[in-house]
Amino acid sequence: MPDGSLPLDRYDRAILQILSAEGRIPVAELARRIGLSKTPTQARLRRLETEGIVTGYRAMLNPIRLGLAHVAFVELRLSDTREAALRDFNAAVRVIPEVEECHMIAGGFDYLLKVRTADMASYREVMAERISALPHVANSSTFVAMEAVKDAAFATPP
């Protein structure tokens, strides 16, 4: 396909939908649910892994149960957006464990961060000591999440 994506049929899509919600499902159960026998289901799964569509399996942790209920979204503007400055920023932000996500944005600011901490006091510390100290940060705006209405980390099987 021109955009680099691979053609997927209804069985492939069904496998991906089930795996995204239930990564530890046995192949026999996966086969039963998509309506194929175990051998072709296993072959399809291997192909999806080999082609890089399924990139791995991991445990999904409940941050609330881990004491990390505070979520803030931070807009950052950089003082320098040349490639070297962006590389410096990208490398530095990747090592801050409280930053769950970091996206370069086209718009009125340069980056959007999702930051997860225990509470406002710990967020203020992370913001002051780590995020504000990132290379080329000029200014920031913080938005505190009141409730997660839809969060992929808490997706439940259908």
C-alpha atoms as a PDB file:
ATOM      1  CA  MET A   1       0.000   0.000   0.000  1.00  0.00           C
ATOM      2  CA  PRO A   2       1.295   3.517  -0.768  1.00  0.00           C
ATOM      3  CA  ASP A   3       1.202   4.751   2.840  1.00  0.00           C
ATOM      4  CA  GLY A   4       3.294   1.832   4.133  1.00  0.00           C
ATOM      5  CA  SER A   5       0.407   0.086   5.847  1.00  0.00           C
ATOM      6  CA  LEU A   6      -0.234  -3.562   5.141  1.00  0.00           C
ATOM      7  CA  PRO A   7      -3.496  -5.010   3.868  1.00  0.00           C
ATOM      8  CA  LEU A   8      -5.460  -6.714   6.630  1.00  0.00           C
ATOM      9  CA  ASP A   9      -8.522  -8.890   6.184  1.00  0.00           C
ATOM     10  CA  ARG A  10     -11.384  -9.352   8.634  1.00  0.00           C
ATOM     11  CA  TYR A  11      -9.583 -12.183  10.483  1.00  0.00           C
ATOM     12  CA  ASP A  12      -6.455 -10.074  10.963  1.00  0.00           C
ATOM     13  CA  ARG A  13      -8.558  -7.171  12.238  1.00  0.00           C
ATOM     14  CA  ALA A  14     -10.443  -9.478  14.610  1.00  0.00           C
ATOM     15  CA  ILE A  15      -7.146 -10.869  15.952  1.00  0.00           C
ATOM     16  CA  LEU A  16      -5.807  -7.348  16.538  1.00  0.00           C
ATOM     17  CA  GLN A  17      -8.982  -6.174  18.250  1.00  0.00           C
ATOM     18  CA  ILE A  18      -8.997  -9.135  20.633  1.00  0.00           C
ATOM     19  CA  LEU A  19      -5.244  -8.970  21.332  1.00  0.00           C
ATOM     20  CA  SER A  20      -5.378  -5.249  22.086  1.00  0.00           C
ATOM     21  CA  ALA A  21      -7.834  -5.977  24.895  1.00  0.00           C
ATOM     22  CA  GLU A  22      -6.639  -9.444  25.938  1.00  0.00           C
ATOM     23  CA  GLY A  23      -2.967  -9.918  25.096  1.00  0.00           C
ATOM     24  CA  ARG A  24      -2.645 -13.129  27.083  1.00  0.00           C
ATOM     25  CA  ILE A  25      -5.492 -14.974  25.373  1.00  0.00           C
ATOM     26  CA  PRO A  26      -4.544 -18.551  24.424  1.00  0.00           C
ATOM     27  CA  VAL A  27      -4.284 -19.158  20.662  1.00  0.00           C
ATOM     28  CA  ALA A  28      -6.989 -21.841  20.838  1.00  0.00           C
ATOM     29  CA  GLU A  29      -9.434 -19.362  22.395  1.00  0.00           C
ATOM     30  CA  LEU A  30      -8.404 -16.663  19.922  1.00  0.00           C
ATOM     31  CA  ALA A  31      -9.041 -19.118  17.057  1.00  0.00           C
ATOM     32  CA  ARG A  32     -12.456 -20.021  18.437  1.00  0.00           C
ATOM     33  CA  ARG A  33     -13.441 -16.370  18.786  1.00  0.00           C
ATOM     34  CA  ILE A  34     -12.449 -15.383  15.240  1.00  0.00           C
ATOM     35  CA  GLY A  35     -13.881 -18.527  13.642  1.00  0.00           C
ATOM     36  CA  LEU A  36     -10.703 -20.202  12.372  1.00  0.00           C
ATOM     37  CA  SER A  37      -8.840 -23.293  13.475  1.00  0.00           C
ATOM     38  CA  LYS A  38      -5.763 -23.006  15.687  1.00  0.00           C
ATOM     39  CA  THR A  39      -3.096 -23.548  12.982  1.00  0.00           C
ATOM     40  CA  PRO A  40      -4.137 -20.749  10.595  1.00  0.00           C
ATOM     41  CA  THR A  41      -4.770 -18.429  13.551  1.00  0.00           C
ATOM     42  CA  GLN A  42      -1.268 -19.119  14.853  1.00  0.00           C
ATOM     43  CA  ALA A  43       0.196 -18.511  11.374  1.00  0.00           C
ATOM     44  CA  ARG A  44      -1.671 -15.204  11.090  1.00  0.00           C
ATOM     45  CA  LEU A  45      -0.475 -14.155  14.529  1.00  0.00           C
ATOM     46  CA  ARG A  46       3.142 -14.970  13.634  1.00  0.00           C
ATOM     47  CA  ARG A  47       2.782 -12.984  10.374  1.00  0.00           C
ATOM     48  CA  LEU A  48       1.341  -9.991  12.253  1.00  0.00           C
ATOM     49  CA  GLU A  49       4.319 -10.138  14.625  1.00  0.00           C
ATOM     50  CA  THR A  50       6.894 -10.618  11.820  1.00  0.00           C
ATOM     51  CA  GLU A  51       5.457  -7.716   9.817  1.00  0.00           C
ATOM     52  CA  GLY A  52       5.711  -5.461  12.866  1.00  0.00           C
ATOM     53  CA  ILE A  53       1.977  -4.927  13.287  1.00  0.00           C
ATOM     54  CA  VAL A  54       2.010  -6.673  16.676  1.00  0.00           C
ATOM     55  CA  THR A  55       5.116  -5.241  18.300  1.00  0.00           C
ATOM     56  CA  GLY A  56       4.954  -6.939  21.681  1.00  0.00           C
ATOM     57  CA  TYR A  57       2.971  -7.913  24.725  1.00  0.00           C
ATOM     58  CA  ARG A  58       3.083  -6.212  28.096  1.00  0.00           C
ATOM     59  CA  ALA A  59       1.363  -5.978  31.418  1.00  0.00           C
ATOM     60  CA  MET A  60      -0.909  -2.986  31.792  1.00  0.00           C
ATOM     61  CA  LEU A  61      -0.515  -1.482  35.235  1.00  0.00           C
ATOM     62  CA  ASN A  62      -3.236   0.384  37.075  1.00  0.00           C
ATOM     63  CA  PRO A  63      -1.648   3.734  37.989  1.00  0.00           C
ATOM     64  CA  ILE A  64      -4.417   4.532  40.474  1.00  0.00           C
ATOM     65  CA  ARG A  65      -3.623   1.376  42.451  1.00  0.00           C
ATOM     66  CA  LEU A  66       0.050   2.370  42.298  1.00  0.00           C
ATOM     67  CA  GLY A  67      -0.719   5.742  43.905  1.00  0.00           C
ATOM     68  CA  LEU A  68      -0.361   7.749  40.682  1.00  0.00           C
ATOM     69  CA  ALA A  69      -3.817   9.268  40.342  1.00  0.00           C
ATOM     70  CA  HIS A  70      -2.813  12.821  39.368  1.00  0.00           C
ATOM     71  CA  VAL A  71      -2.727  13.465  35.612  1.00  0.00           C
ATOM     72  CA  ALA A  72      -1.694  16.750  34.066  1.00  0.00           C
ATOM     73  CA  PHE A  73      -1.317  17.730  30.439  1.00  0.00           C
ATOM     74  CA  VAL A  74       1.436  20.239  29.814  1.00  0.00           C
ATOM     75  CA  GLU A  75       1.807  22.428  26.759  1.00  0.00           C
ATOM     76  CA  LEU A  76       5.412  23.467  26.188  1.00  0.00           C
ATOM     77  CA  ARG A  77       6.848  26.124  23.943  1.00  0.00           C
ATOM     78  CA  LEU A  78      10.524  25.954  23.131  1.00  0.00           C
ATOM     79  CA  SER A  79      12.845  28.898  22.658  1.00  0.00           C
ATOM     80  CA  ASP A  80      14.578  27.103  19.778  1.00  0.00           C
ATOM     81  CA  THR A  81      12.966  24.679  17.344  1.00  0.00           C
ATOM     82  CA  ARG A  82      15.905  23.908  15.090  1.00  0.00           C
ATOM     83  CA  GLU A  83      16.627  20.210  14.623  1.00  0.00           C
ATOM     84  CA  ALA A  84      19.517  20.084  17.107  1.00  0.00           C
ATOM     85  CA  ALA A  85      17.360  21.714  19.806  1.00  0.00           C
ATOM     86  CA  LEU A  86      14.507  19.296  19.135  1.00  0.00           C
ATOM     87  CA  ARG A  87      16.888  16.331  19.387  1.00  0.00           C
ATOM     88  CA  ASP A  88      18.225  17.650  22.713  1.00  0.00           C
ATOM     89  CA  PHE A  89      14.720  18.138  24.079  1.00  0.00           C
ATOM     90  CA  ASN A  90      13.504  14.730  22.850  1.00  0.00           C
ATOM     91  CA  ALA A  91      16.425  12.878  24.436  1.00  0.00           C
ATOM     92  CA  ALA A  92      16.016  14.688  27.766  1.00  0.00           C
ATOM     93  CA  VAL A  93      12.232  14.286  28.066  1.00  0.00           C
ATOM     94  CA  ARG A  94      12.422  10.528  27.405  1.00  0.00           C
ATOM     95  CA  VAL A  95      14.244   9.918  30.705  1.00  0.00           C
ATOM     96  CA  ILE A  96      11.662  11.604  32.959  1.00  0.00           C
ATOM     97  CA  PRO A  97       9.608   8.675  34.279  1.00  0.00           C
ATOM     98  CA  GLU A  98       6.615  10.820  35.223  1.00  0.00           C
ATOM     99  CA  VAL A  99       6.173  11.857  31.576  1.00  0.00           C
ATOM    100  CA  GLU A 100       3.938   9.094  30.218  1.00  0.00           C
ATOM    101  CA  GLU A 101       3.572  10.606  26.768  1.00  0.00           C
ATOM    102  CA  CYS A 102       5.233  13.370  24.795  1.00  0.00           C
ATOM    103  CA  HIS A 103       3.956  14.539  21.427  1.00  0.00           C
ATOM    104  CA  MET A 104       5.370  17.171  19.087  1.00  0.00           C
ATOM    105  CA  ILE A 105       2.421  19.351  18.082  1.00  0.00           C
ATOM    106  CA  ALA A 106       1.711  21.567  15.080  1.00  0.00           C
ATOM    107  CA  GLY A 107      -0.050  24.621  16.445  1.00  0.00           C
ATOM    108  CA  GLY A 108       0.265  27.269  19.106  1.00  0.00           C
ATOM    109  CA  PHE A 109       2.809  25.309  21.158  1.00  0.00           C
ATOM    110  CA  ASP A 110       5.541  22.785  20.405  1.00  0.00           C
ATOM    111  CA  TYR A 111       4.976  19.772  22.679  1.00  0.00           C
ATOM    112  CA  LEU A 112       2.149  18.214  24.658  1.00  0.00           C
ATOM    113  CA  LEU A 113       3.128  16.067  27.639  1.00  0.00           C
ATOM    114  CA  LYS A 114       0.994  13.719  29.707  1.00  0.00           C
ATOM    115  CA  VAL A 115       2.456  13.719  33.210  1.00  0.00           C
ATOM    116  CA  ARG A 116       1.362  11.272  35.918  1.00  0.00           C
ATOM    117  CA  THR A 117       2.231  11.773  39.585  1.00  0.00           C
ATOM    118  CA  ALA A 118       0.828  10.958  43.017  1.00  0.00           C
ATOM    119  CA  ASP A 119      -0.619  14.392  43.727  1.00  0.00           C
ATOM    120  CA  MET A 120      -0.329  18.098  43.026  1.00  0.00           C
ATOM    121  CA  ALA A 121       2.676  18.533  45.313  1.00  0.00           C
ATOM    122  CA  SER A 122       4.654  15.857  43.485  1.00  0.00           C
ATOM    123  CA  TYR A 123       3.546  17.293  40.133  1.00  0.00           C
ATOM    124  CA  ARG A 124       4.812  20.742  41.163  1.00  0.00           C
ATOM    125  CA  GLU A 125       8.173  19.211  42.043  1.00  0.00           C
ATOM    126  CA  VAL A 126       8.444  17.342  38.725  1.00  0.00           C
ATOM    127  CA  MET A 127       7.433  20.483  36.859  1.00  0.00           C
ATOM    128  CA  ALA A 128       9.852  22.744  38.694  1.00  0.00           C
ATOM    129  CA  GLU A 129      12.852  20.426  38.883  1.00  0.00           C
ATOM    130  CA  ARG A 130      12.635  18.352  35.708  1.00  0.00           C
ATOM    131  CA  ILE A 131      10.237  19.629  33.060  1.00  0.00           C
ATOM    132  CA  SER A 132      11.113  23.319  33.376  1.00  0.00           C
ATOM    133  CA  ALA A 133      14.787  22.346  33.249  1.00  0.00           C
ATOM    134  CA  LEU A 134      14.451  20.529  29.920  1.00  0.00           C
ATOM    135  CA  PRO A 135      16.569  22.010  27.130  1.00  0.00           C
ATOM    136  CA  HIS A 136      15.079  25.042  25.369  1.00  0.00           C
ATOM    137  CA  VAL A 137      11.822  25.209  27.377  1.00  0.00           C
ATOM    138  CA  ALA A 138      10.572  28.798  27.157  1.00  0.00           C
ATOM    139  CA  ASN A 139       7.149  28.496  28.805  1.00  0.00           C
ATOM    140  CA  SER A 140       4.444  26.061  29.760  1.00  0.00           C
ATOM    141  CA  SER A 141       0.743  25.753  30.493  1.00  0.00           C
ATOM    142  CA  THR A 142      -0.685  22.997  32.668  1.00  0.00           C
ATOM    143  CA  PHE A 143      -4.134  21.437  32.467  1.00  0.00           C
ATOM    144  CA  VAL A 144      -5.103  19.046  35.273  1.00  0.00           C
ATOM    145  CA  ALA A 145      -7.356  16.140  34.330  1.00  0.00           C
ATOM    146  CA  MET A 146     -10.406  15.795  36.542  1.00  0.00           C
ATOM    147  CA  GLU A 147     -11.551  12.436  35.155  1.00  0.00           C
ATOM    148  CA  ALA A 148     -10.455   9.981  32.469  1.00  0.00           C
ATOM    149  CA  VAL A 149     -13.560   9.437  30.369  1.00  0.00           C
ATOM    150  CA  LYS A 150     -11.719   7.170  27.900  1.00  0.00           C
ATOM    151  CA  ASP A 151      -8.220   5.877  28.572  1.00  0.00           C
ATOM    152  CA  ALA A 152      -6.581   3.079  26.577  1.00  0.00           C
ATOM    153  CA  ALA A 153      -4.662   2.035  29.691  1.00  0.00           C
ATOM    154  CA  PHE A 154      -7.961   1.008  31.283  1.00  0.00           C
ATOM    155  CA  ALA A 155      -9.587  -0.602  28.260  1.00  0.00           C
ATOM    156  CA  THR A 156     -11.794  -3.490  29.234  1.00  0.00           C
ATOM    157  CA  PRO A 157     -12.536  -6.463  27.008  1.00  0.00           C
ATOM    158  CA  PRO A 158     -15.863  -6.268  25.153  1.00  0.00           C
END
